[in-house]
Every structure is written in C-alpha cells, then in structure tokens.
Amino acid sequence: MFISSAFAQTAPAAAAGGDLQSTLMGMLPLVLMFVVLYFVMIRPQMKKQKEHRAMVDAIAKGDEVVTVGGVLGTVTKVGEGYIGLEVASGVEVQIQRSAVVQVLPKGTIK
C-alpha cells in the first residue's frame, strides 16, 4: 500500500572495447614497474657479471690479482677452473678463477 513497486534498473551494456581497455589500463602499472625494475636492477647486474666473466677469462700468468678474501698475489699457474697464486716468496695457493675480484696493474705488489 504505502510502498510502491520497485523496479530493478539494468546497467547499460558496456561495449566490448571498453572492457578490454579497462583491463589494459589496470595492467599498465604492473608492466611499468617491471620495465623500471629491469632497467634499474636486472640489466646493470647482468652487465657487471659479463664484465667479471671477461676479466676472469683474460687472466694470464704473471698478472697481479686481488681475491674475494682480500689476498693479493701473482698468478703462477693458469688452469681451467683454478689458478695458482703466489702470495709470498715460495708460498703458492690454489684458488678458483671466479674468486678473483680485480686484476691489478703490473708492479703493484712488491
């Protein structure tokens, strides 16, 4: 009596293109975050790894190097995965090639 009949209103039909557009706009921040992450973190790390690999592959007998542990020495033997490092007169240690951090200029150690 006092309440009139309620009629449900139907929402206007959304266009198929509008639905796709809203989905793409929702994914845009995620895609932008991945692109920024790639250029800020992933790409520089890959470049640094490539440079280190090239430096380690170029190690030759007579080079003066610094290891990860801070040991300085002269390369006496070069093997596939290991190098012989003379750390003092008559004292030679064997280390992995990947443990070399830096190749020093000749004449640095003395």
Protein backbone atom coordinates (compact mmCIF):
# COMPACT_ATOMS: atom_id res chain seq x y z
CA MET A 1 0.00 0.00 0.00
CA PHE A 2 2.48 2.62 1.08
CA ILE A 3 5.41 1.06 -0.72
CA SER A 4 5.42 1.35 -4.44
CA SER A 5 6.73 -1.46 -6.55
CA ALA A 6 10.49 -1.34 -7.03
CA PHE A 7 11.86 -1.99 -10.45
CA ALA A 8 15.46 -3.13 -10.84
CA GLN A 9 17.38 -0.97 -13.19
CA THR A 10 19.70 -2.74 -15.53
CA ALA A 11 23.09 -1.24 -16.15
CA PRO A 12 23.69 -0.12 -19.68
CA ALA A 13 25.54 -2.76 -21.65
CA ALA A 14 29.26 -1.99 -21.73
CA ALA A 15 30.93 -2.03 -25.08
CA ALA A 16 33.34 -4.91 -25.64
CA GLY A 17 36.18 -2.49 -26.47
CA GLY A 18 35.69 -0.56 -23.23
CA ASP A 19 36.10 -3.72 -21.15
CA LEU A 20 39.38 -4.56 -22.87
CA GLN A 21 40.61 -1.03 -22.43
CA SER A 22 39.92 -1.05 -18.69
CA THR A 23 41.75 -4.38 -18.36
CA LEU A 24 44.80 -3.00 -20.18
CA MET A 25 44.76 0.17 -18.07
CA GLY A 26 44.65 -1.98 -14.95
CA MET A 27 47.73 -3.93 -16.10
CA LEU A 28 49.67 -0.82 -17.14
CA PRO A 29 51.16 -0.06 -13.66
CA LEU A 30 52.36 -3.66 -13.34
CA VAL A 31 54.03 -3.56 -16.74
CA LEU A 32 55.66 -0.19 -15.98
CA MET A 33 57.00 -1.49 -12.66
CA PHE A 34 58.58 -4.48 -14.43
CA VAL A 35 60.20 -2.24 -17.05
CA VAL A 36 61.66 0.04 -14.37
CA LEU A 37 62.87 -2.98 -12.37
CA TYR A 38 64.60 -4.35 -15.47
CA PHE A 39 66.46 -1.14 -16.28
CA VAL A 40 67.33 -0.25 -12.67
CA MET A 41 68.30 -3.65 -11.25
CA ILE A 42 68.46 -6.56 -13.68
CA ARG A 43 70.29 -5.03 -16.65
CA PRO A 44 73.16 -3.43 -14.65
CA GLN A 45 73.69 -6.70 -12.74
CA MET A 46 73.90 -8.68 -15.98
CA LYS A 47 76.38 -6.15 -17.39
CA LYS A 48 78.55 -6.41 -14.26
CA GLN A 49 78.52 -10.24 -14.45
CA LYS A 50 79.53 -10.12 -18.11
CA GLU A 51 82.46 -7.78 -17.35
CA HIS A 52 83.63 -10.01 -14.46
CA ARG A 53 83.45 -13.13 -16.63
CA ALA A 54 85.54 -11.40 -19.34
CA MET A 55 88.13 -10.28 -16.74
CA VAL A 56 88.40 -13.78 -15.26
CA ASP A 57 88.76 -15.37 -18.70
CA ALA A 58 91.57 -12.93 -19.56
CA ILE A 59 93.73 -13.79 -16.53
CA ALA A 60 97.21 -14.84 -17.61
CA LYS A 61 100.41 -15.99 -15.93
CA GLY A 62 102.22 -13.07 -14.31
CA ASP A 63 99.10 -10.99 -13.61
CA GLU A 64 98.75 -9.50 -10.16
CA VAL A 65 95.29 -10.05 -8.70
CA VAL A 66 93.13 -9.50 -5.63
CA THR A 67 90.85 -12.29 -4.42
CA VAL A 68 87.45 -12.13 -2.74
CA GLY A 69 89.13 -12.60 0.64
CA GLY A 70 91.49 -9.67 0.03
CA VAL A 71 94.58 -11.77 -0.69
CA LEU A 72 96.99 -10.18 -3.16
CA GLY A 73 99.25 -12.34 -5.28
CA THR A 74 100.85 -13.06 -8.61
CA VAL A 75 99.38 -15.69 -10.92
CA THR A 76 101.86 -18.53 -11.46
CA LYS A 77 99.66 -21.25 -12.98
CA VAL A 78 96.50 -20.95 -15.04
CA GLY A 79 94.13 -23.89 -15.24
CA GLU A 80 90.58 -24.47 -16.46
CA GLY A 81 88.81 -23.64 -13.19
CA TYR A 82 91.69 -22.88 -10.82
CA ILE A 83 94.75 -20.65 -10.78
CA GLY A 84 97.98 -20.86 -8.79
CA LEU A 85 98.62 -17.68 -6.82
CA GLU A 86 101.98 -16.81 -5.28
CA VAL A 87 101.16 -14.79 -2.16
CA ALA A 88 104.71 -14.62 -0.79
CA SER A 89 108.13 -15.78 -1.90
CA GLY A 90 107.85 -19.57 -2.14
CA VAL A 91 104.23 -19.66 -0.89
CA GLU A 92 101.69 -20.66 -3.51
CA VAL A 93 97.97 -21.23 -3.04
CA GLN A 94 95.43 -22.56 -5.46
CA ILE A 95 92.14 -20.64 -5.83
CA GLN A 96 89.11 -20.75 -8.08
CA ARG A 97 89.19 -18.39 -11.04
CA SER A 98 85.86 -16.89 -10.00
CA ALA A 99 87.38 -15.83 -6.66
CA VAL A 100 89.40 -13.11 -8.42
CA VAL A 101 87.86 -9.69 -7.87
CA GLN A 102 90.35 -7.39 -9.56
CA VAL A 103 93.41 -7.53 -11.78
CA LEU A 104 95.99 -5.01 -10.62
CA PRO A 105 98.48 -3.10 -12.79
CA LYS A 106 101.90 -4.77 -13.07
CA GLY A 107 104.33 -3.80 -10.32
CA THR A 108 101.65 -3.03 -7.72
CA ILE A 109 102.74 -5.84 -5.39
CA LYS A 110 106.29 -5.51 -4.02
